Amino acid sequence: MTEPDIRELVRMWVSGWTVSRGAAEPVDQPWGWTIDVGAPDREVGRHVLPEPTEAEVRKIAEATTAPTTWLKLFAEDAMVRPWLGPRWRLDGPAFLMTVPLAPERPVVPAGHTVTTWERGGVLRVLVRTEAGHLAARGQAGLAGPVAVPDQITTAPEFRRRGLGAVVMRTLQSAAYEAGARTGVLVGTPEGRALYTALGWTTHSPMASLVLEPESGVS
């Protein structure tokens, strides 16, 4: 089986991620996409490069002045870090992953309830205790045949109970019922272990860098 085209996989991820985060429509660029996000304290926008080159990354960086602008570069951290100056802070590593979606029947651990709903193209799953406490949550942006799980979290006191798997399987099944057939996400190293156990395949590393404010400038 041939490896899927990395640009197409990243396009699929971008299409669902923008729905999940309520971001602007991606703007096509020769090297990838620019996305306005509009959360200035965290992320004013991002440039996504599925196959980054040093020349392209340096040119984008030189033209970027707004703090909290992110670069999402589908390459190893060690390769791209030397291309950028000290104001570009390297975030933790991440990995582009996919899975074929299918109907699932996740088993909910005793003492927990699962609520699922969809609003504006975003699926949401909430796992609570019998007392109503938040135990785990997650969401997925729907973009036609693609679903992009996002912001999968388990409360610290409820970890290692399989609740992350419940959230993911519930999202995957709900996305399938909504017409999606492929799941695409970018996961942390910790998330990658869970997703791999659930049948997800890793296709590429992703380096994330953010432009920080100049020293002494608030």
C-alpha atoms as a PDB file:
ATOM      1  CA  MET A   1       0.000   0.000   0.000  1.00  0.00           C
ATOM      2  CA  THR A   2       1.392   3.418  -0.954  1.00  0.00           C
ATOM      3  CA  GLU A   3       1.876   6.059   1.699  1.00  0.00           C
ATOM      4  CA  PRO A   4      -0.857   8.741   1.532  1.00  0.00           C
ATOM      5  CA  ASP A   5       0.221  12.124   0.187  1.00  0.00           C
ATOM      6  CA  ILE A   6       1.337  14.219   3.158  1.00  0.00           C
ATOM      7  CA  ARG A   7      -0.063  17.448   1.720  1.00  0.00           C
ATOM      8  CA  GLU A   8      -3.484  15.848   1.313  1.00  0.00           C
ATOM      9  CA  LEU A   9      -3.429  14.470   4.863  1.00  0.00           C
ATOM     10  CA  VAL A  10      -2.492  17.885   6.248  1.00  0.00           C
ATOM     11  CA  ARG A  11      -5.235  19.504   4.137  1.00  0.00           C
ATOM     12  CA  MET A  12      -7.735  17.082   5.681  1.00  0.00           C
ATOM     13  CA  TRP A  13      -6.491  17.921   9.182  1.00  0.00           C
ATOM     14  CA  VAL A  14      -6.697  21.661   8.507  1.00  0.00           C
ATOM     15  CA  SER A  15     -10.249  21.328   7.151  1.00  0.00           C
ATOM     16  CA  GLY A  16     -11.566  19.773  10.363  1.00  0.00           C
ATOM     17  CA  TRP A  17      -9.339  21.664  12.805  1.00  0.00           C
ATOM     18  CA  THR A  18     -10.657  25.025  11.603  1.00  0.00           C
ATOM     19  CA  VAL A  19     -14.222  23.809  12.197  1.00  0.00           C
ATOM     20  CA  SER A  20     -13.355  22.541  15.668  1.00  0.00           C
ATOM     21  CA  ARG A  21     -11.724  25.831  16.692  1.00  0.00           C
ATOM     22  CA  GLY A  22     -14.098  28.171  14.876  1.00  0.00           C
ATOM     23  CA  ALA A  23     -11.165  29.597  12.903  1.00  0.00           C
ATOM     24  CA  ALA A  24     -11.346  31.364   9.552  1.00  0.00           C
ATOM     25  CA  GLU A  25     -11.304  29.445   6.290  1.00  0.00           C
ATOM     26  CA  PRO A  26      -7.744  28.374   5.422  1.00  0.00           C
ATOM     27  CA  VAL A  27      -6.090  30.533   2.757  1.00  0.00           C
ATOM     28  CA  ASP A  28      -4.176  28.535   0.155  1.00  0.00           C
ATOM     29  CA  GLN A  29      -0.499  29.346  -0.200  1.00  0.00           C
ATOM     30  CA  PRO A  30       2.115  27.841  -2.524  1.00  0.00           C
ATOM     31  CA  TRP A  31       3.702  26.212   0.536  1.00  0.00           C
ATOM     32  CA  GLY A  32       0.509  25.301   2.458  1.00  0.00           C
ATOM     33  CA  TRP A  33      -2.097  27.379   4.289  1.00  0.00           C
ATOM     34  CA  THR A  34      -2.506  30.499   6.408  1.00  0.00           C
ATOM     35  CA  ILE A  35      -5.274  30.474   9.030  1.00  0.00           C
ATOM     36  CA  ASP A  36      -6.629  33.395  11.058  1.00  0.00           C
ATOM     37  CA  VAL A  37      -7.505  32.102  14.521  1.00  0.00           C
ATOM     38  CA  GLY A  38      -8.172  35.317  16.430  1.00  0.00           C
ATOM     39  CA  ALA A  39      -7.168  34.301  19.964  1.00  0.00           C
ATOM     40  CA  PRO A  40      -4.391  36.892  20.524  1.00  0.00           C
ATOM     41  CA  ASP A  41      -3.391  35.676  23.980  1.00  0.00           C
ATOM     42  CA  ARG A  42      -2.797  32.179  22.583  1.00  0.00           C
ATOM     43  CA  GLU A  43      -2.843  32.256  18.803  1.00  0.00           C
ATOM     44  CA  VAL A  44      -3.551  35.140  16.467  1.00  0.00           C
ATOM     45  CA  GLY A  45      -2.993  32.892  13.465  1.00  0.00           C
ATOM     46  CA  ARG A  46      -0.882  30.109  12.002  1.00  0.00           C
ATOM     47  CA  HIS A  47       1.024  29.102   8.910  1.00  0.00           C
ATOM     48  CA  VAL A  48       0.853  25.393   8.080  1.00  0.00           C
ATOM     49  CA  LEU A  49       3.569  23.855   5.893  1.00  0.00           C
ATOM     50  CA  PRO A  50       3.153  20.155   5.034  1.00  0.00           C
ATOM     51  CA  GLU A  51       6.583  19.963   3.359  1.00  0.00           C
ATOM     52  CA  PRO A  52       8.624  22.847   4.778  1.00  0.00           C
ATOM     53  CA  THR A  53      11.869  24.043   3.228  1.00  0.00           C
ATOM     54  CA  GLU A  54      14.426  26.266   4.896  1.00  0.00           C
ATOM     55  CA  ALA A  55      13.962  29.047   2.339  1.00  0.00           C
ATOM     56  CA  GLU A  56      10.171  29.099   2.740  1.00  0.00           C
ATOM     57  CA  VAL A  57      10.264  29.015   6.532  1.00  0.00           C
ATOM     58  CA  ARG A  58      12.871  31.783   6.753  1.00  0.00           C
ATOM     59  CA  LYS A  59      10.874  33.965   4.348  1.00  0.00           C
ATOM     60  CA  ILE A  60       7.640  33.491   6.340  1.00  0.00           C
ATOM     61  CA  ALA A  61       9.425  34.153   9.632  1.00  0.00           C
ATOM     62  CA  GLU A  62      11.006  37.361   8.341  1.00  0.00           C
ATOM     63  CA  ALA A  63       7.575  38.643   7.258  1.00  0.00           C
ATOM     64  CA  THR A  64       5.898  37.768  10.577  1.00  0.00           C
ATOM     65  CA  THR A  65       5.724  40.434  13.289  1.00  0.00           C
ATOM     66  CA  ALA A  66       2.605  39.552  15.322  1.00  0.00           C
ATOM     67  CA  PRO A  67       3.318  37.672  18.568  1.00  0.00           C
ATOM     68  CA  THR A  68       1.373  34.420  19.077  1.00  0.00           C
ATOM     69  CA  THR A  69       1.656  33.596  15.389  1.00  0.00           C
ATOM     70  CA  TRP A  70       2.396  29.886  15.066  1.00  0.00           C
ATOM     71  CA  LEU A  71       4.265  27.840  12.505  1.00  0.00           C
ATOM     72  CA  LYS A  72       3.092  24.240  12.078  1.00  0.00           C
ATOM     73  CA  LEU A  73       5.854  22.453  10.190  1.00  0.00           C
ATOM     74  CA  PHE A  74       5.517  18.788   9.302  1.00  0.00           C
ATOM     75  CA  ALA A  75       9.108  17.826   9.985  1.00  0.00           C
ATOM     76  CA  GLU A  76      11.344  16.860  12.909  1.00  0.00           C
ATOM     77  CA  ASP A  77      11.988  19.530  15.541  1.00  0.00           C
ATOM     78  CA  ALA A  78      15.752  19.158  15.119  1.00  0.00           C
ATOM     79  CA  MET A  79      15.535  19.905  11.402  1.00  0.00           C
ATOM     80  CA  VAL A  80      13.528  23.134  11.575  1.00  0.00           C
ATOM     81  CA  ARG A  81      14.762  24.688  14.854  1.00  0.00           C
ATOM     82  CA  PRO A  82      18.012  26.018  13.284  1.00  0.00           C
ATOM     83  CA  TRP A  83      16.007  27.846  10.606  1.00  0.00           C
ATOM     84  CA  LEU A  84      14.437  30.283  13.090  1.00  0.00           C
ATOM     85  CA  GLY A  85      15.669  32.931  15.492  1.00  0.00           C
ATOM     86  CA  PRO A  86      15.430  32.937  19.302  1.00  0.00           C
ATOM     87  CA  ARG A  87      12.037  34.699  19.400  1.00  0.00           C
ATOM     88  CA  TRP A  88      10.486  31.570  17.888  1.00  0.00           C
ATOM     89  CA  ARG A  89       9.805  29.243  20.829  1.00  0.00           C
ATOM     90  CA  LEU A  90       9.662  25.535  20.048  1.00  0.00           C
ATOM     91  CA  ASP A  91       6.635  23.801  21.562  1.00  0.00           C
ATOM     92  CA  GLY A  92       6.414  20.097  22.352  1.00  0.00           C
ATOM     93  CA  PRO A  93       6.576  17.559  19.511  1.00  0.00           C
ATOM     94  CA  ALA A  94       3.448  16.251  17.817  1.00  0.00           C
ATOM     95  CA  PHE A  95       2.455  13.626  15.269  1.00  0.00           C
ATOM     96  CA  LEU A  96       0.036  13.512  12.321  1.00  0.00           C
ATOM     97  CA  MET A  97      -2.132  10.395  12.552  1.00  0.00           C
ATOM     98  CA  THR A  98      -5.105   8.823  10.720  1.00  0.00           C
ATOM     99  CA  VAL A  99      -7.619   6.022  11.203  1.00  0.00           C
ATOM    100  CA  PRO A 100     -10.476   4.547   9.138  1.00  0.00           C
ATOM    101  CA  LEU A 101     -13.702   5.322  10.980  1.00  0.00           C
ATOM    102  CA  ALA A 102     -16.258   2.633  11.822  1.00  0.00           C
ATOM    103  CA  PRO A 103     -19.262   2.163  14.127  1.00  0.00           C
ATOM    104  CA  GLU A 104     -18.115   1.402  17.670  1.00  0.00           C
ATOM    105  CA  ARG A 105     -19.713   0.505  20.989  1.00  0.00           C
ATOM    106  CA  PRO A 106     -17.371   1.759  23.705  1.00  0.00           C
ATOM    107  CA  VAL A 107     -17.875   0.267  27.151  1.00  0.00           C
ATOM    108  CA  VAL A 108     -18.463   3.013  29.717  1.00  0.00           C
ATOM    109  CA  PRO A 109     -16.824   2.277  33.101  1.00  0.00           C
ATOM    110  CA  ALA A 110     -19.233   1.855  35.982  1.00  0.00           C
ATOM    111  CA  GLY A 111     -20.089   5.075  37.758  1.00  0.00           C
ATOM    112  CA  HIS A 112     -19.743   7.277  34.680  1.00  0.00           C
ATOM    113  CA  THR A 113     -22.127   8.736  32.102  1.00  0.00           C
ATOM    114  CA  VAL A 114     -21.377   9.835  28.538  1.00  0.00           C
ATOM    115  CA  THR A 115     -23.146  12.718  26.790  1.00  0.00           C
ATOM    116  CA  THR A 116     -22.687  13.384  23.060  1.00  0.00           C
ATOM    117  CA  TRP A 117     -23.952  16.275  20.967  1.00  0.00           C
ATOM    118  CA  GLU A 118     -23.214  18.139  17.736  1.00  0.00           C
ATOM    119  CA  ARG A 119     -23.412  21.877  17.193  1.00  0.00           C
ATOM    120  CA  GLY A 120     -22.147  23.816  14.199  1.00  0.00           C
ATOM    121  CA  GLY A 121     -20.224  20.914  12.747  1.00  0.00           C
ATOM    122  CA  VAL A 122     -18.467  20.137  16.030  1.00  0.00           C
ATOM    123  CA  LEU A 123     -19.085  16.838  17.814  1.00  0.00           C
ATOM    124  CA  ARG A 124     -18.593  16.926  21.576  1.00  0.00           C
ATOM    125  CA  VAL A 125     -18.302  14.138  24.121  1.00  0.00           C
ATOM    126  CA  LEU A 126     -18.504  14.669  27.870  1.00  0.00           C
ATOM    127  CA  VAL A 127     -17.793  11.970  30.464  1.00  0.00           C
ATOM    128  CA  ARG A 128     -19.005  12.696  33.987  1.00  0.00           C
ATOM    129  CA  THR A 129     -19.169  10.901  37.299  1.00  0.00           C
ATOM    130  CA  GLU A 130     -22.472  10.045  38.933  1.00  0.00           C
ATOM    131  CA  ALA A 131     -22.010  13.193  41.029  1.00  0.00           C
ATOM    132  CA  GLY A 132     -21.695  15.253  37.845  1.00  0.00           C
ATOM    133  CA  HIS A 133     -17.965  15.928  38.004  1.00  0.00           C
ATOM    134  CA  LEU A 134     -16.095  16.339  34.714  1.00  0.00           C
ATOM    135  CA  ALA A 135     -13.941  13.262  34.157  1.00  0.00           C
ATOM    136  CA  ALA A 136     -12.995  13.518  30.469  1.00  0.00           C
ATOM    137  CA  ARG A 137     -14.000  15.383  27.353  1.00  0.00           C
ATOM    138  CA  GLY A 138     -13.177  15.830  23.682  1.00  0.00           C
ATOM    139  CA  GLN A 139     -14.492  17.200  20.427  1.00  0.00           C
ATOM    140  CA  ALA A 140     -14.114  16.666  16.694  1.00  0.00           C
ATOM    141  CA  GLY A 141     -14.504  19.029  13.757  1.00  0.00           C
ATOM    142  CA  LEU A 142     -16.497  17.563  10.868  1.00  0.00           C
ATOM    143  CA  ALA A 143     -15.506  18.397   7.290  1.00  0.00           C
ATOM    144  CA  GLY A 144     -17.427  16.144   4.926  1.00  0.00           C
ATOM    145  CA  PRO A 145     -15.729  12.727   4.888  1.00  0.00           C
ATOM    146  CA  VAL A 146     -13.159  13.855   7.478  1.00  0.00           C
ATOM    147  CA  ALA A 147     -13.379  14.119  11.266  1.00  0.00           C
ATOM    148  CA  VAL A 148     -10.616  15.757  13.305  1.00  0.00           C
ATOM    149  CA  PRO A 149     -10.593  14.869  17.020  1.00  0.00           C
ATOM    150  CA  ASP A 150      -9.323  17.775  19.086  1.00  0.00           C
ATOM    151  CA  GLN A 151      -8.746  18.851  22.684  1.00  0.00           C
ATOM    152  CA  ILE A 152      -9.035  15.361  24.154  1.00  0.00           C
ATOM    153  CA  THR A 153      -8.512  15.697  27.901  1.00  0.00           C
ATOM    154  CA  THR A 154      -8.957  13.632  31.045  1.00  0.00           C
ATOM    155  CA  ALA A 155      -9.064  15.273  34.476  1.00  0.00           C
ATOM    156  CA  PRO A 156      -5.877  14.372  36.418  1.00  0.00           C
ATOM    157  CA  GLU A 157      -7.732  12.492  39.145  1.00  0.00           C
ATOM    158  CA  PHE A 158      -9.499  10.288  36.569  1.00  0.00           C
ATOM    159  CA  ARG A 159      -6.553   9.235  34.436  1.00  0.00           C
ATOM    160  CA  ARG A 160      -5.549   5.626  33.746  1.00  0.00           C
ATOM    161  CA  ARG A 161      -9.169   4.460  33.848  1.00  0.00           C
ATOM    162  CA  GLY A 162      -9.702   4.142  30.102  1.00  0.00           C
ATOM    163  CA  LEU A 163     -11.801   7.306  29.844  1.00  0.00           C
ATOM    164  CA  GLY A 164      -9.672   8.786  27.055  1.00  0.00           C
ATOM    165  CA  ALA A 165     -10.386   5.682  24.994  1.00  0.00           C
ATOM    166  CA  VAL A 166     -14.115   6.054  25.735  1.00  0.00           C
ATOM    167  CA  VAL A 167     -14.034   9.651  24.494  1.00  0.00           C
ATOM    168  CA  MET A 168     -12.145   8.724  21.332  1.00  0.00           C
ATOM    169  CA  ARG A 169     -14.265   5.693  20.457  1.00  0.00           C
ATOM    170  CA  THR A 170     -17.446   7.685  21.064  1.00  0.00           C
ATOM    171  CA  LEU A 171     -16.228  10.524  18.851  1.00  0.00           C
ATOM    172  CA  GLN A 172     -15.116   8.106  16.126  1.00  0.00           C
ATOM    173  CA  SER A 173     -18.456   6.316  16.104  1.00  0.00           C
ATOM    174  CA  ALA A 174     -20.480   9.550  16.150  1.00  0.00           C
ATOM    175  CA  ALA A 175     -18.347  10.926  13.310  1.00  0.00           C
ATOM    176  CA  TYR A 176     -18.985   7.784  11.276  1.00  0.00           C
ATOM    177  CA  GLU A 177     -22.729   8.158  11.851  1.00  0.00           C
ATOM    178  CA  ALA A 178     -22.410  11.782  10.661  1.00  0.00           C
ATOM    179  CA  GLY A 179     -20.899  10.601   7.374  1.00  0.00           C
ATOM    180  CA  ALA A 180     -17.162  10.882   8.032  1.00  0.00           C
ATOM    181  CA  ARG A 181     -14.993   7.942   7.025  1.00  0.00           C
ATOM    182  CA  THR A 182     -11.469   9.061   7.936  1.00  0.00           C
ATOM    183  CA  GLY A 183     -10.167  10.414  11.227  1.00  0.00           C
ATOM    184  CA  VAL A 184      -7.164  12.744  11.149  1.00  0.00           C
ATOM    185  CA  LEU A 185      -5.475  14.375  14.123  1.00  0.00           C
ATOM    186  CA  VAL A 186      -2.242  15.802  15.450  1.00  0.00           C
ATOM    187  CA  GLY A 187      -1.394  14.280  18.813  1.00  0.00           C
ATOM    188  CA  THR A 188       1.177  14.773  21.553  1.00  0.00           C
ATOM    189  CA  PRO A 189       3.571  11.942  22.456  1.00  0.00           C
ATOM    190  CA  GLU A 190       1.233  11.003  25.317  1.00  0.00           C
ATOM    191  CA  GLY A 191      -1.809  11.081  23.068  1.00  0.00           C
ATOM    192  CA  ARG A 192       0.028   9.137  20.392  1.00  0.00           C
ATOM    193  CA  ALA A 193       0.291   6.129  22.707  1.00  0.00           C
ATOM    194  CA  LEU A 194      -3.484   6.102  23.244  1.00  0.00           C
ATOM    195  CA  TYR A 195      -4.304   6.662  19.591  1.00  0.00           C
ATOM    196  CA  THR A 196      -1.906   3.949  18.429  1.00  0.00           C
ATOM    197  CA  ALA A 197      -3.604   1.509  20.794  1.00  0.00           C
ATOM    198  CA  LEU A 198      -6.917   2.478  19.162  1.00  0.00           C
ATOM    199  CA  GLY A 199      -5.633   1.678  15.667  1.00  0.00           C
ATOM    200  CA  TRP A 200      -4.368   5.071  14.512  1.00  0.00           C
ATOM    201  CA  THR A 201      -1.356   5.226  12.153  1.00  0.00           C
ATOM    202  CA  THR A 202       1.412   7.825  12.420  1.00  0.00           C
ATOM    203  CA  HIS A 203       2.416   9.525   9.150  1.00  0.00           C
ATOM    204  CA  SER A 204       4.637  12.470  10.088  1.00  0.00           C
ATOM    205  CA  PRO A 205       6.099  14.425  12.982  1.00  0.00           C
ATOM    206  CA  MET A 206       4.998  18.044  13.380  1.00  0.00           C
ATOM    207  CA  ALA A 207       7.112  20.842  14.828  1.00  0.00           C
ATOM    208  CA  SER A 208       5.279  23.787  16.408  1.00  0.00           C
ATOM    209  CA  LEU A 209       6.903  27.175  16.935  1.00  0.00           C
ATOM    210  CA  VAL A 210       5.352  30.403  18.194  1.00  0.00           C
ATOM    211  CA  LEU A 211       6.612  33.985  17.860  1.00  0.00           C
ATOM    212  CA  GLU A 212       7.003  35.463  21.332  1.00  0.00           C
ATOM    213  CA  PRO A 213       6.870  39.208  22.126  1.00  0.00           C
ATOM    214  CA  GLU A 214      10.111  41.138  21.973  1.00  0.00           C
ATOM    215  CA  SER A 215      11.885  41.465  25.324  1.00  0.00           C
ATOM    216  CA  GLY A 216      10.454  44.347  27.321  1.00  0.00           C
ATOM    217  CA  VAL A 217       7.370  44.631  25.100  1.00  0.00           C
ATOM    218  CA  SER A 218       4.046  43.630  26.693  1.00  0.00           C
END
